[in-house]
Amino acid sequence: MVEVVARAFRLPLRRAWDGGVDRNDIVVVRLRTDAGVVGTGFSWTPLIGAGAVESLVNADLAPVLVGGAAHPSRWEELRWYLREAGTTGLTLMALAGVDIALWDVRAKAAGLPLVDLLGRRRDRVAAYGSGVNLDYPVEDLTEQVSSWVEAGHRTVKIKVGSAEVGRDVERVGAVRRVLGEERSLMVDANQRWDVPTAAEALDRLDEYGVHSVEEPLPAQDLAAHERLRGRTRLPFALGENLRTVEEFERFVEAGVCDVAQPNVVRVGGITPFLRIAEVMARRGVPVAPHLLPELSGQLALCLPRVAMVEDIDHASFEALGALADPSGVRIERGWLRAGTGPGHGLSFADDLTPLPWHGR
C-alpha cells in the first residue's frame, strides 16, 4: 500500500431527525495500492465524532498501513494496534473506514462486485420504509407512511417513546389505519423507555398488531431486557448500539435478541459484520442491517440468515447527494437489488462540504 487518506465531510439532512439531528457526517477513506488499485471506504456518524475518526485514520492507522498488504485479513492486527485508544467506539469506526476500503480493493483486484466476491445468496432482499419521526405531527407521520405504501413497502417502522404513552398509542393507531391489516408495522423506541413504561406501552399497542419493537430500553442493559421479556411476547430487535460478537452473543443467549441489527460502521467494518452474521445464523437469529442501505443491502444479499434492510427516508448516501455516480443498489417496490461494477460501487463526490473542525 502506498497511500491512505481520510477526509471528513458534512451531509445536511433534508429534515432534522428527532432531538435536532440536522446532519450526518462521513469520513471517506481512500487507499492506493502498489498496483494502482484505489479502494474507497467510509465511516459514518450523526453529529458526533467524525473529526476524531478522521484523525485516527490519518495519524494512527495510515503509518501502519503504508508499506503493508492491502487485505482485510489485517483487521485483527489493526484493532490490536489501536487498543490503547480503546477497543470499541471511535476506534472501531475508524477501523471500519479502512476495512471497507480494503474489501473494495480486494473485490476490484479480483474484477468482481463485492456481492459476488462475498458470495451472493439471493438476488433480492425485502426492504422496509423507515424514518426518524417521533417529533412529526401525526399528519406528517401518516403522509410519510403513505409515501412508503405508495412506493411498494409491505413493512414500515416508526418511532415511539413519547413522554406520554397515549401519544404513541394515538400515532400507532393512525399509522395502522394507513397500512391496513395486510402490511406489517414495527416500532422503535430508541432506548427511551424504562421497564414499566415499556411494558405498559407494548401492552396498549398490542391491539394494533405491532410486529416487533426495536431498542425498547437502554441498549447495554441486559438485565432490564430480561425483565421486560417476562412481560411481553413481542419480538425484540436489537444491535445498532452493540459493537462486538461477544455483546451480540450475550443478548441472544439471554433470549432477548430476536432480530440482530449490526451497523457495519459501528462494529468495525465488513469483516466483523460478517462474523456477527455467521454467529447469529448459528443461533437462528436473522440479521436486519442498520441504516447505510447502499452497503448494508449488498451485505444482506450475502448473509446466511437475513430479515430485511432499512430504507431510511431521504437519508441514503444517494438521497444526501454524497455520491458522484449511482451505486448500482436500488430499492423498488419494497425490494433491494444490487448490480455494481467491481468493488462495492460507492464513489463519493469530490465537492462535498468539508467538516468544519479546529484540528484541520
Protein backbone atom coordinates (compact mmCIF):
# COMPACT_ATOMS: atom_id res chain seq x y z
CA MET A 1 0.00 0.00 0.00
CA VAL A 2 1.39 3.40 -0.93
CA GLU A 3 -1.23 5.88 0.30
CA VAL A 4 -4.02 6.14 2.89
CA VAL A 5 -6.02 9.36 3.24
CA ALA A 6 -9.19 10.11 5.21
CA ARG A 7 -11.33 13.25 4.88
CA ALA A 8 -14.41 14.18 6.88
CA PHE A 9 -17.50 15.75 5.29
CA ARG A 10 -20.87 17.11 6.41
CA LEU A 11 -24.15 15.95 4.84
CA PRO A 12 -27.15 18.13 5.83
CA LEU A 13 -30.40 16.23 6.26
CA ARG A 14 -33.49 17.26 4.32
CA ARG A 15 -35.45 17.36 7.59
CA ALA A 16 -33.94 17.14 11.06
CA TRP A 17 -34.23 13.89 12.97
CA ASP A 18 -35.66 13.78 16.50
CA GLY A 19 -33.62 15.76 19.00
CA GLY A 20 -32.28 18.26 16.48
CA VAL A 21 -30.04 15.95 14.46
CA ASP A 22 -29.76 18.04 11.31
CA ARG A 23 -26.83 16.31 9.60
CA ASN A 24 -24.90 13.11 9.09
CA ASP A 25 -21.11 13.27 8.89
CA ILE A 26 -18.99 10.86 6.88
CA VAL A 27 -15.30 10.13 6.74
CA VAL A 28 -14.23 8.95 3.29
CA VAL A 29 -11.10 6.76 3.30
CA ARG A 30 -9.14 6.18 0.11
CA LEU A 31 -6.35 3.61 -0.21
CA ARG A 32 -3.98 3.21 -3.15
CA THR A 33 -2.01 0.03 -3.65
CA ASP A 34 1.36 -0.53 -5.30
CA ALA A 35 -0.54 -1.92 -8.30
CA GLY A 36 -2.53 1.31 -8.63
CA VAL A 37 -5.84 -0.07 -7.33
CA VAL A 38 -7.80 2.55 -5.39
CA GLY A 39 -10.16 1.37 -2.67
CA THR A 40 -12.80 3.53 -1.01
CA GLY A 41 -14.16 3.11 2.49
CA PHE A 42 -16.22 5.24 4.81
CA SER A 43 -17.20 5.84 8.38
CA TRP A 44 -20.49 7.48 9.32
CA THR A 45 -21.98 9.22 12.32
CA PRO A 46 -24.81 11.65 13.10
CA LEU A 47 -23.42 14.82 14.73
CA ILE A 48 -20.57 13.42 16.81
CA GLY A 49 -17.08 12.02 16.24
CA ALA A 50 -16.21 12.37 12.56
CA GLY A 51 -13.23 14.63 13.21
CA ALA A 52 -11.80 12.16 15.70
CA VAL A 53 -12.30 9.28 13.26
CA GLU A 54 -10.54 11.24 10.51
CA SER A 55 -7.61 11.89 12.83
CA LEU A 56 -7.35 8.26 13.95
CA VAL A 57 -7.12 7.09 10.34
CA ASN A 58 -4.64 9.72 9.17
CA ALA A 59 -2.44 9.95 12.24
CA ASP A 60 -2.53 6.41 13.59
CA LEU A 61 -3.70 3.87 11.01
CA ALA A 62 -2.11 5.30 7.84
CA PRO A 63 1.51 4.92 9.04
CA VAL A 64 0.86 1.27 9.88
CA LEU A 65 -0.93 0.53 6.63
CA VAL A 66 1.52 2.15 4.19
CA GLY A 67 4.11 -0.35 3.07
CA GLY A 68 1.97 -3.33 4.11
CA ALA A 69 -0.52 -5.64 2.43
CA ALA A 70 -3.86 -4.22 1.28
CA HIS A 71 -6.01 -7.06 2.57
CA PRO A 72 -8.93 -7.20 5.05
CA SER A 73 -7.18 -10.05 6.89
CA ARG A 74 -5.29 -7.26 8.70
CA TRP A 75 -8.38 -6.37 10.77
CA GLU A 76 -7.20 -8.06 14.00
CA GLU A 77 -3.72 -6.58 13.66
CA LEU A 78 -5.14 -3.09 13.25
CA ARG A 79 -7.59 -3.43 16.10
CA TRP A 80 -4.76 -4.59 18.37
CA TYR A 81 -2.67 -1.63 17.27
CA LEU A 82 -5.46 0.80 18.26
CA ARG A 83 -6.12 -0.86 21.62
CA GLU A 84 -4.54 1.90 23.72
CA ALA A 85 -7.22 4.26 22.39
CA GLY A 86 -9.90 1.70 23.27
CA THR A 87 -11.29 -1.40 21.61
CA THR A 88 -14.72 -0.09 20.72
CA GLY A 89 -16.46 3.19 19.86
CA LEU A 90 -14.38 5.59 17.77
CA THR A 91 -11.55 3.12 17.18
CA LEU A 92 -13.95 0.65 15.56
CA MET A 93 -15.47 3.44 13.49
CA ALA A 94 -12.02 4.41 12.21
CA LEU A 95 -11.19 0.78 11.54
CA ALA A 96 -14.47 0.41 9.62
CA GLY A 97 -13.44 3.03 7.09
CA VAL A 98 -10.19 1.20 6.42
CA ASP A 99 -11.75 -2.27 6.40
CA ILE A 100 -14.45 -1.27 3.89
CA ALA A 101 -11.76 0.21 1.64
CA LEU A 102 -9.68 -2.98 1.89
CA TRP A 103 -12.65 -5.09 0.81
CA ASP A 104 -13.21 -2.67 -2.07
CA VAL A 105 -9.57 -3.15 -3.12
CA ARG A 106 -9.87 -6.92 -2.88
CA ALA A 107 -13.03 -7.03 -5.00
CA LYS A 108 -11.61 -4.66 -7.61
CA ALA A 109 -8.37 -6.63 -7.84
CA ALA A 110 -10.45 -9.77 -8.46
CA GLY A 111 -12.59 -7.95 -11.03
CA LEU A 112 -15.76 -8.76 -9.08
CA PRO A 113 -18.62 -6.87 -7.48
CA LEU A 114 -18.33 -7.07 -3.69
CA VAL A 115 -21.55 -9.10 -3.51
CA ASP A 116 -20.11 -11.79 -5.77
CA LEU A 117 -16.74 -11.79 -4.01
CA LEU A 118 -18.51 -12.42 -0.68
CA GLY A 119 -20.89 -14.95 -2.22
CA ARG A 120 -24.31 -13.84 -3.40
CA ARG A 121 -27.00 -15.99 -1.74
CA ARG A 122 -30.04 -14.19 -3.16
CA ASP A 123 -30.88 -11.74 -5.92
CA ARG A 124 -33.08 -9.51 -3.80
CA VAL A 125 -33.93 -8.78 -0.18
CA ALA A 126 -37.03 -7.17 1.31
CA ALA A 127 -36.72 -3.53 2.37
CA TYR A 128 -38.89 -1.66 4.86
CA GLY A 129 -39.75 2.04 4.99
CA SER A 130 -38.22 3.80 7.97
CA GLY A 131 -37.98 7.32 9.32
CA VAL A 132 -36.83 9.26 12.37
CA ASN A 133 -40.22 10.80 13.02
CA LEU A 134 -41.13 10.93 16.72
CA ASP A 135 -41.41 14.72 16.57
CA TYR A 136 -43.58 14.72 13.41
CA PRO A 137 -47.17 15.91 13.80
CA VAL A 138 -49.48 12.97 13.19
CA GLU A 139 -50.50 14.43 9.82
CA ASP A 140 -46.86 14.49 8.65
CA LEU A 141 -46.30 11.00 10.03
CA THR A 142 -49.23 9.48 8.16
CA GLU A 143 -48.20 11.31 4.99
CA GLN A 144 -44.72 9.81 5.29
CA VAL A 145 -46.11 6.32 5.86
CA SER A 146 -48.47 6.76 2.90
CA SER A 147 -45.45 7.54 0.72
CA TRP A 148 -43.86 4.23 1.76
CA VAL A 149 -47.04 2.37 0.94
CA GLU A 150 -47.16 4.03 -2.48
CA ALA A 151 -43.52 3.04 -3.01
CA GLY A 152 -44.49 -0.60 -2.51
CA HIS A 153 -43.20 -1.31 1.01
CA ARG A 154 -45.01 -4.12 2.79
CA THR A 155 -43.41 -3.28 6.15
CA VAL A 156 -42.73 0.07 7.83
CA LYS A 157 -41.14 1.24 11.06
CA ILE A 158 -41.99 4.36 13.07
CA LYS A 159 -40.61 5.90 16.24
CA VAL A 160 -42.25 5.61 19.63
CA GLY A 161 -41.09 6.66 23.09
CA SER A 162 -43.15 9.81 23.66
CA ALA A 163 -43.31 11.37 27.11
CA GLU A 164 -46.93 10.18 27.31
CA VAL A 165 -47.76 6.62 26.24
CA GLY A 166 -51.14 7.82 25.00
CA ARG A 167 -49.43 9.86 22.28
CA ASP A 168 -47.68 6.75 20.98
CA VAL A 169 -50.95 4.82 21.02
CA GLU A 170 -52.68 7.55 19.01
CA ARG A 171 -49.88 7.69 16.43
CA VAL A 172 -49.59 3.92 16.03
CA GLY A 173 -53.36 3.71 15.57
CA ALA A 174 -53.25 6.38 12.86
CA VAL A 175 -50.44 4.56 11.06
CA ARG A 176 -52.26 1.23 11.28
CA ARG A 177 -55.26 2.81 9.55
CA VAL A 178 -52.99 3.91 6.69
CA LEU A 179 -51.36 0.48 6.42
CA GLY A 180 -54.47 -1.62 6.65
CA GLU A 181 -54.29 -5.12 8.09
CA GLU A 182 -52.17 -6.69 5.37
CA ARG A 183 -48.95 -4.69 5.98
CA SER A 184 -46.53 -5.07 8.89
CA LEU A 185 -45.76 -2.33 11.41
CA MET A 186 -42.63 -2.19 13.55
CA VAL A 187 -41.86 0.38 16.25
CA ASP A 188 -38.55 1.76 17.51
CA ALA A 189 -38.22 3.37 20.96
CA ASN A 190 -34.54 4.34 20.56
CA GLN A 191 -33.82 3.38 24.21
CA ARG A 192 -36.35 5.90 25.59
CA TRP A 193 -38.36 3.64 27.91
CA ASP A 194 -37.79 2.05 31.29
CA VAL A 195 -39.20 -1.42 32.04
CA PRO A 196 -42.61 -0.37 33.49
CA THR A 197 -43.22 2.18 30.73
CA ALA A 198 -42.19 -0.25 28.02
CA ALA A 199 -44.44 -2.97 29.44
CA GLU A 200 -47.42 -0.59 29.58
CA ALA A 201 -46.78 0.82 26.11
CA LEU A 202 -46.36 -2.55 24.43
CA ASP A 203 -49.48 -3.87 26.13
CA ARG A 204 -51.52 -0.91 24.87
CA LEU A 205 -50.05 -1.15 21.36
CA ASP A 206 -50.86 -4.86 21.08
CA GLU A 207 -54.29 -4.24 19.52
CA TYR A 208 -52.62 -2.62 16.51
CA GLY A 209 -50.72 -5.74 15.51
CA VAL A 210 -47.20 -4.43 16.07
CA HIS A 211 -44.72 -6.88 14.57
CA SER A 212 -41.66 -6.10 16.74
CA VAL A 213 -40.09 -3.42 18.93
CA GLU A 214 -36.60 -2.04 18.43
CA GLU A 215 -34.42 -0.84 21.33
CA PRO A 216 -37.19 -0.53 23.95
CA LEU A 217 -34.61 0.03 26.73
CA PRO A 218 -31.06 1.36 27.20
CA ALA A 219 -29.01 -0.69 24.75
CA GLN A 220 -26.40 -2.07 27.15
CA ASP A 221 -28.79 -3.02 29.98
CA LEU A 222 -29.15 -6.76 29.51
CA ALA A 223 -30.88 -7.33 32.86
CA ALA A 224 -33.60 -4.79 32.02
CA HIS A 225 -34.27 -6.53 28.71
CA GLU A 226 -34.60 -9.84 30.55
CA ARG A 227 -37.17 -8.31 32.92
CA LEU A 228 -39.14 -6.85 30.03
CA ARG A 229 -39.04 -10.18 28.17
CA GLY A 230 -41.08 -11.64 31.01
CA ARG A 231 -43.80 -9.03 30.48
CA THR A 232 -44.32 -9.06 26.70
CA ARG A 233 -44.47 -11.58 23.87
CA LEU A 234 -43.39 -9.02 21.27
CA PRO A 235 -40.08 -9.82 19.49
CA PHE A 236 -37.12 -7.53 20.25
CA ALA A 237 -34.88 -6.09 17.51
CA LEU A 238 -31.52 -5.03 18.96
CA GLY A 239 -27.99 -4.27 17.94
CA GLU A 240 -27.44 -0.85 16.38
CA ASN A 241 -25.60 0.12 19.58
CA LEU A 242 -23.89 -3.21 20.20
CA ARG A 243 -20.32 -3.42 18.94
CA THR A 244 -18.82 -6.88 19.27
CA VAL A 245 -19.60 -10.51 18.57
CA GLU A 246 -19.49 -11.12 22.32
CA GLU A 247 -22.15 -8.46 23.02
CA PHE A 248 -24.48 -9.91 20.40
CA GLU A 249 -23.93 -13.41 21.81
CA ARG A 250 -24.82 -12.30 25.35
CA PHE A 251 -28.12 -10.77 24.29
CA VAL A 252 -29.07 -13.76 22.13
CA GLU A 253 -28.17 -16.30 24.80
CA ALA A 254 -30.27 -14.33 27.31
CA GLY A 255 -33.24 -14.72 24.97
CA VAL A 256 -33.79 -11.02 24.33
CA CYS A 257 -32.50 -10.53 20.77
CA ASP A 258 -34.90 -11.94 18.18
CA VAL A 259 -33.57 -9.85 15.27
CA ALA A 260 -29.96 -8.62 15.24
CA GLN A 261 -29.23 -5.18 13.80
CA PRO A 262 -25.48 -4.60 13.49
CA ASN A 263 -24.33 -1.35 11.91
CA VAL A 264 -21.40 -2.09 9.59
CA VAL A 265 -19.55 1.07 10.65
CA ARG A 266 -20.16 0.82 14.40
CA VAL A 267 -18.98 -2.80 14.60
CA GLY A 268 -15.74 -2.01 12.77
CA GLY A 269 -16.39 -2.82 9.12
CA ILE A 270 -17.35 -5.66 6.81
CA THR A 271 -15.01 -8.21 8.43
CA PRO A 272 -16.61 -8.16 11.92
CA PHE A 273 -20.08 -7.62 10.43
CA LEU A 274 -19.79 -10.95 8.59
CA ARG A 275 -18.57 -12.66 11.78
CA ILE A 276 -21.57 -11.37 13.71
CA ALA A 277 -23.92 -12.54 10.95
CA GLU A 278 -22.45 -16.03 10.99
CA VAL A 279 -22.76 -16.29 14.77
CA MET A 280 -26.36 -15.08 14.61
CA ALA A 281 -27.19 -17.62 11.89
CA ARG A 282 -25.88 -20.47 14.04
CA ARG A 283 -28.26 -19.34 16.78
CA GLY A 284 -31.26 -18.98 14.48
CA VAL A 285 -31.37 -15.18 14.65
CA PRO A 286 -31.94 -13.21 11.41
CA VAL A 287 -29.93 -10.08 10.70
CA ALA A 288 -31.51 -6.77 9.66
CA PRO A 289 -28.56 -4.43 8.95
CA HIS A 290 -28.88 -0.97 10.48
CA LEU A 291 -29.05 2.00 8.07
CA LEU A 292 -26.49 2.64 5.26
CA PRO A 293 -28.57 0.79 2.65
CA GLU A 294 -26.10 1.20 -0.23
CA LEU A 295 -23.64 -1.06 1.61
CA SER A 296 -25.92 -2.84 4.10
CA GLY A 297 -28.11 -4.02 1.24
CA GLN A 298 -25.15 -5.58 -0.56
CA LEU A 299 -24.14 -7.42 2.60
CA ALA A 300 -27.73 -8.59 3.16
CA LEU A 301 -27.67 -10.35 -0.22
CA CYS A 302 -24.79 -12.48 1.07
CA LEU A 303 -25.88 -13.34 4.62
CA PRO A 304 -26.90 -16.86 5.65
CA ARG A 305 -29.98 -15.64 7.54
CA VAL A 306 -31.43 -12.22 6.79
CA ALA A 307 -34.61 -10.40 7.79
CA MET A 308 -34.92 -7.08 5.94
CA VAL A 309 -32.91 -3.97 5.12
CA GLU A 310 -33.79 -0.44 6.17
CA ASP A 311 -34.89 2.06 3.52
CA ILE A 312 -34.34 5.22 5.54
CA ASP A 313 -36.40 8.19 4.37
CA HIS A 314 -34.27 10.68 2.38
CA ALA A 315 -31.08 9.69 4.23
CA SER A 316 -29.28 7.23 1.97
CA PHE A 317 -25.97 8.43 0.55
CA GLU A 318 -27.64 8.97 -2.82
CA ALA A 319 -30.51 10.99 -1.29
CA LEU A 320 -27.99 13.12 0.64
CA GLY A 321 -26.08 13.92 -2.54
CA ALA A 322 -22.93 12.19 -1.34
CA LEU A 323 -22.30 10.04 -4.42
CA ALA A 324 -20.61 11.02 -7.67
CA ASP A 325 -22.43 8.25 -9.54
CA PRO A 326 -25.29 5.84 -8.82
CA SER A 327 -24.07 2.94 -6.71
CA GLY A 328 -25.99 0.21 -8.51
CA VAL A 329 -28.01 -0.52 -5.36
CA ARG A 330 -31.71 0.03 -5.96
CA ILE A 331 -34.85 -0.24 -3.83
CA GLU A 332 -38.03 -0.63 -5.88
CA ARG A 333 -41.48 -1.86 -4.84
CA GLY A 334 -40.17 -2.94 -1.43
CA TRP A 335 -37.18 -4.95 -2.69
CA LEU A 336 -33.47 -4.15 -2.74
CA ARG A 337 -31.24 -5.37 -5.57
CA ALA A 338 -27.58 -4.68 -6.28
CA GLY A 339 -25.78 -4.57 -9.61
CA THR A 340 -22.47 -2.78 -9.12
CA GLY A 341 -19.25 -2.89 -11.08
CA PRO A 342 -16.09 -4.28 -9.45
CA GLY A 343 -15.91 -3.39 -5.77
CA HIS A 344 -18.83 -2.02 -3.75
CA GLY A 345 -19.75 0.62 -6.32
CA LEU A 346 -19.70 3.58 -3.92
CA SER A 347 -17.97 6.59 -5.46
CA PHE A 348 -18.19 9.67 -3.26
CA ALA A 349 -18.48 13.12 -4.82
CA ASP A 350 -15.44 15.42 -4.83
CA ASP A 351 -17.38 18.58 -3.96
CA LEU A 352 -18.77 17.59 -0.54
CA THR A 353 -18.63 20.11 2.29
CA PRO A 354 -15.56 19.52 4.50
CA LEU A 355 -16.20 19.10 8.20
CA PRO A 356 -15.51 22.43 9.95
CA TRP A 357 -13.36 21.42 12.89
CA HIS A 358 -10.45 23.15 14.57
CA GLY A 359 -7.87 20.42 14.09
CA ARG A 360 -7.56 20.98 10.33
